[in-house]
């Protein structure tokens, strides 16, 4: 897995978390900027998982296949799921949901790297 892509995904997710949690502290519901951030995090996550799968196809297999698949699926689906649930809660807690989900993405990036032995 490319370190640049892992770092970029982590940074974008942390920026979204800061944005969403700041909005929650200001008593704001999820807005368009959080939607854009969620889309960017989702695209970065899909690219990272795609790079990991390409590495897997290239012969560098993960130590635990089931664990990798679980982390990859969670990382791809979590931002979009958080956006949907966050928009269903049109209060500051919708922003909290998006912020907490964005904080989980860097952990998943780290764990996928560990499963691949990077």
C-alpha atoms as a PDB file:
ATOM      1  CA  UNK A   1       0.000   0.000   0.000  1.00  0.00           C
ATOM      2  CA  UNK A   2       1.354   3.415  -0.886  1.00  0.00           C
ATOM      3  CA  UNK A   3       2.321   5.435   2.181  1.00  0.00           C
ATOM      4  CA  UNK A   4       1.294   8.676   0.466  1.00  0.00           C
ATOM      5  CA  UNK A   5      -2.241   7.391  -0.061  1.00  0.00           C
ATOM      6  CA  UNK A   6      -2.469   6.169   3.533  1.00  0.00           C
ATOM      7  CA  UNK A   7      -1.269   9.531   4.818  1.00  0.00           C
ATOM      8  CA  UNK A   8      -3.633  11.458   2.553  1.00  0.00           C
ATOM      9  CA  UNK A   9      -6.616   9.381   3.666  1.00  0.00           C
ATOM     10  CA  UNK A  10      -5.711   9.893   7.306  1.00  0.00           C
ATOM     11  CA  UNK A  11      -5.228  13.650   6.932  1.00  0.00           C
ATOM     12  CA  UNK A  12      -8.482  14.142   5.014  1.00  0.00           C
ATOM     13  CA  UNK A  13     -10.411  12.078   7.558  1.00  0.00           C
ATOM     14  CA  UNK A  14      -8.939  14.032  10.477  1.00  0.00           C
ATOM     15  CA  UNK A  15      -9.795  17.323   8.768  1.00  0.00           C
ATOM     16  CA  UNK A  16     -13.382  16.150   8.302  1.00  0.00           C
ATOM     17  CA  UNK A  17     -13.510  15.079  11.945  1.00  0.00           C
ATOM     18  CA  UNK A  18     -12.288  18.487  13.070  1.00  0.00           C
ATOM     19  CA  UNK A  19     -14.776  20.249  10.803  1.00  0.00           C
ATOM     20  CA  UNK A  20     -17.722  18.137  11.930  1.00  0.00           C
ATOM     21  CA  UNK A  21     -16.886  18.256  15.631  1.00  0.00           C
ATOM     22  CA  UNK A  22     -16.351  22.015  15.433  1.00  0.00           C
ATOM     23  CA  UNK A  23     -19.785  22.317  13.818  1.00  0.00           C
ATOM     24  CA  UNK A  24     -21.232  20.203  16.622  1.00  0.00           C
ATOM     25  CA  UNK A  25     -19.600  22.461  19.214  1.00  0.00           C
ATOM     26  CA  UNK A  26     -21.202  25.429  17.454  1.00  0.00           C
ATOM     27  CA  UNK A  27     -24.594  23.634  17.606  1.00  0.00           C
ATOM     28  CA  UNK A  28     -24.807  23.162  13.825  1.00  0.00           C
ATOM     29  CA  UNK A  29     -26.394  20.346  11.854  1.00  0.00           C
ATOM     30  CA  UNK A  30     -24.480  18.619   9.028  1.00  0.00           C
ATOM     31  CA  UNK A  31     -24.049  20.947   6.078  1.00  0.00           C
ATOM     32  CA  UNK A  32     -22.790  20.925   2.497  1.00  0.00           C
ATOM     33  CA  UNK A  33     -19.139  21.301   3.530  1.00  0.00           C
ATOM     34  CA  UNK A  34     -19.398  18.138   5.629  1.00  0.00           C
ATOM     35  CA  UNK A  35     -20.989  16.374   2.646  1.00  0.00           C
ATOM     36  CA  UNK A  36     -18.054  17.384   0.446  1.00  0.00           C
ATOM     37  CA  UNK A  37     -15.622  16.218   3.140  1.00  0.00           C
ATOM     38  CA  UNK A  38     -17.428  12.915   3.441  1.00  0.00           C
ATOM     39  CA  UNK A  39     -17.254  12.386  -0.326  1.00  0.00           C
ATOM     40  CA  UNK A  40     -13.521  13.168  -0.335  1.00  0.00           C
ATOM     41  CA  UNK A  41     -12.907  10.729   2.534  1.00  0.00           C
ATOM     42  CA  UNK A  42     -14.978   8.075   0.742  1.00  0.00           C
ATOM     43  CA  UNK A  43     -13.019   8.501  -2.485  1.00  0.00           C
ATOM     44  CA  UNK A  44      -9.704   8.345  -0.613  1.00  0.00           C
ATOM     45  CA  UNK A  45     -10.857   5.210   1.211  1.00  0.00           C
ATOM     46  CA  UNK A  46     -11.908   3.522  -2.030  1.00  0.00           C
ATOM     47  CA  UNK A  47      -8.558   4.389  -3.620  1.00  0.00           C
ATOM     48  CA  UNK A  48      -6.664   3.030  -0.615  1.00  0.00           C
ATOM     49  CA  UNK A  49      -8.644  -0.207  -0.565  1.00  0.00           C
ATOM     50  CA  UNK A  50      -8.180  -0.479  -4.340  1.00  0.00           C
ATOM     51  CA  UNK A  51      -4.419  -0.101  -3.923  1.00  0.00           C
ATOM     52  CA  UNK A  52      -4.445  -2.749  -1.198  1.00  0.00           C
ATOM     53  CA  UNK A  53      -6.403  -5.146  -3.400  1.00  0.00           C
ATOM     54  CA  UNK A  54      -4.029  -4.453  -6.303  1.00  0.00           C
ATOM     55  CA  UNK A  55      -1.129  -5.254  -4.001  1.00  0.00           C
ATOM     56  CA  UNK A  56      -2.919  -8.437  -2.996  1.00  0.00           C
ATOM     57  CA  UNK A  57      -3.406  -9.428  -6.639  1.00  0.00           C
ATOM     58  CA  UNK A  58       0.259  -8.610  -7.249  1.00  0.00           C
ATOM     59  CA  UNK A  59       1.275 -11.291  -4.765  1.00  0.00           C
ATOM     60  CA  UNK A  60       1.553  -9.466  -1.441  1.00  0.00           C
ATOM     61  CA  UNK A  61      -1.278 -11.059   0.507  1.00  0.00           C
ATOM     62  CA  UNK A  62      -2.548  -9.877   3.893  1.00  0.00           C
ATOM     63  CA  UNK A  63      -1.727 -11.906   6.986  1.00  0.00           C
ATOM     64  CA  UNK A  64      -5.403 -12.364   7.827  1.00  0.00           C
ATOM     65  CA  UNK A  65      -7.736 -12.286   4.847  1.00  0.00           C
ATOM     66  CA  UNK A  66     -11.000 -12.103   6.779  1.00  0.00           C
ATOM     67  CA  UNK A  67      -9.746  -9.278   8.970  1.00  0.00           C
ATOM     68  CA  UNK A  68      -8.566  -7.345   5.921  1.00  0.00           C
ATOM     69  CA  UNK A  69     -11.913  -7.766   4.174  1.00  0.00           C
ATOM     70  CA  UNK A  70     -13.776  -6.592   7.278  1.00  0.00           C
ATOM     71  CA  UNK A  71     -11.607  -3.500   7.679  1.00  0.00           C
ATOM     72  CA  UNK A  72     -11.777  -2.704   3.958  1.00  0.00           C
ATOM     73  CA  UNK A  73     -15.550  -3.039   3.821  1.00  0.00           C
ATOM     74  CA  UNK A  74     -15.955  -0.921   6.942  1.00  0.00           C
ATOM     75  CA  UNK A  75     -13.624   1.782   5.646  1.00  0.00           C
ATOM     76  CA  UNK A  76     -15.483   2.036   2.348  1.00  0.00           C
ATOM     77  CA  UNK A  77     -19.007   2.027   3.831  1.00  0.00           C
ATOM     78  CA  UNK A  78     -18.504   3.995   7.059  1.00  0.00           C
ATOM     79  CA  UNK A  79     -18.283   7.560   5.666  1.00  0.00           C
ATOM     80  CA  UNK A  80     -21.379   7.181   3.499  1.00  0.00           C
ATOM     81  CA  UNK A  81     -23.290   5.488   6.299  1.00  0.00           C
ATOM     82  CA  UNK A  82     -22.304   8.228   8.719  1.00  0.00           C
ATOM     83  CA  UNK A  83     -23.515  10.874   6.274  1.00  0.00           C
ATOM     84  CA  UNK A  84     -26.889   9.147   5.879  1.00  0.00           C
ATOM     85  CA  UNK A  85     -27.401   8.727   9.620  1.00  0.00           C
ATOM     86  CA  UNK A  86     -26.043  12.214  10.296  1.00  0.00           C
ATOM     87  CA  UNK A  87     -28.531  13.793   7.897  1.00  0.00           C
ATOM     88  CA  UNK A  88     -31.351  11.823   9.518  1.00  0.00           C
ATOM     89  CA  UNK A  89     -30.456  13.614  12.765  1.00  0.00           C
ATOM     90  CA  UNK A  90     -30.822  17.313  11.829  1.00  0.00           C
ATOM     91  CA  UNK A  91     -29.276  18.607  15.042  1.00  0.00           C
ATOM     92  CA  UNK A  92     -25.730  19.015  16.290  1.00  0.00           C
ATOM     93  CA  UNK A  93     -25.653  15.292  16.993  1.00  0.00           C
ATOM     94  CA  UNK A  94     -25.701  14.631  13.252  1.00  0.00           C
ATOM     95  CA  UNK A  95     -22.386  16.460  13.069  1.00  0.00           C
ATOM     96  CA  UNK A  96     -21.130  14.414  16.027  1.00  0.00           C
ATOM     97  CA  UNK A  97     -21.987  11.197  14.164  1.00  0.00           C
ATOM     98  CA  UNK A  98     -20.029  12.334  11.099  1.00  0.00           C
ATOM     99  CA  UNK A  99     -17.106  13.521  13.232  1.00  0.00           C
ATOM    100  CA  UNK A 100     -16.804  10.285  15.176  1.00  0.00           C
ATOM    101  CA  UNK A 101     -17.038   8.197  12.011  1.00  0.00           C
ATOM    102  CA  UNK A 102     -14.277  10.323  10.485  1.00  0.00           C
ATOM    103  CA  UNK A 103     -12.128   9.618  13.551  1.00  0.00           C
ATOM    104  CA  UNK A 104     -12.550   5.881  12.983  1.00  0.00           C
ATOM    105  CA  UNK A 105     -11.177   6.003   9.422  1.00  0.00           C
ATOM    106  CA  UNK A 106      -7.527   6.688  10.445  1.00  0.00           C
ATOM    107  CA  UNK A 107      -7.697   3.731  12.819  1.00  0.00           C
ATOM    108  CA  UNK A 108      -8.875   1.539   9.957  1.00  0.00           C
ATOM    109  CA  UNK A 109      -6.062   2.850   7.738  1.00  0.00           C
ATOM    110  CA  UNK A 110      -3.561   1.937  10.445  1.00  0.00           C
ATOM    111  CA  UNK A 111      -5.029  -1.525  10.947  1.00  0.00           C
ATOM    112  CA  UNK A 112      -5.106  -2.300   7.218  1.00  0.00           C
ATOM    113  CA  UNK A 113      -1.440  -1.348   7.054  1.00  0.00           C
ATOM    114  CA  UNK A 114      -0.714  -3.652  10.002  1.00  0.00           C
ATOM    115  CA  UNK A 115      -2.636  -6.538   8.455  1.00  0.00           C
ATOM    116  CA  UNK A 116      -0.546  -6.151   5.308  1.00  0.00           C
ATOM    117  CA  UNK A 117       2.632  -5.996   7.384  1.00  0.00           C
ATOM    118  CA  UNK A 118       3.606  -2.564   6.100  1.00  0.00           C
END
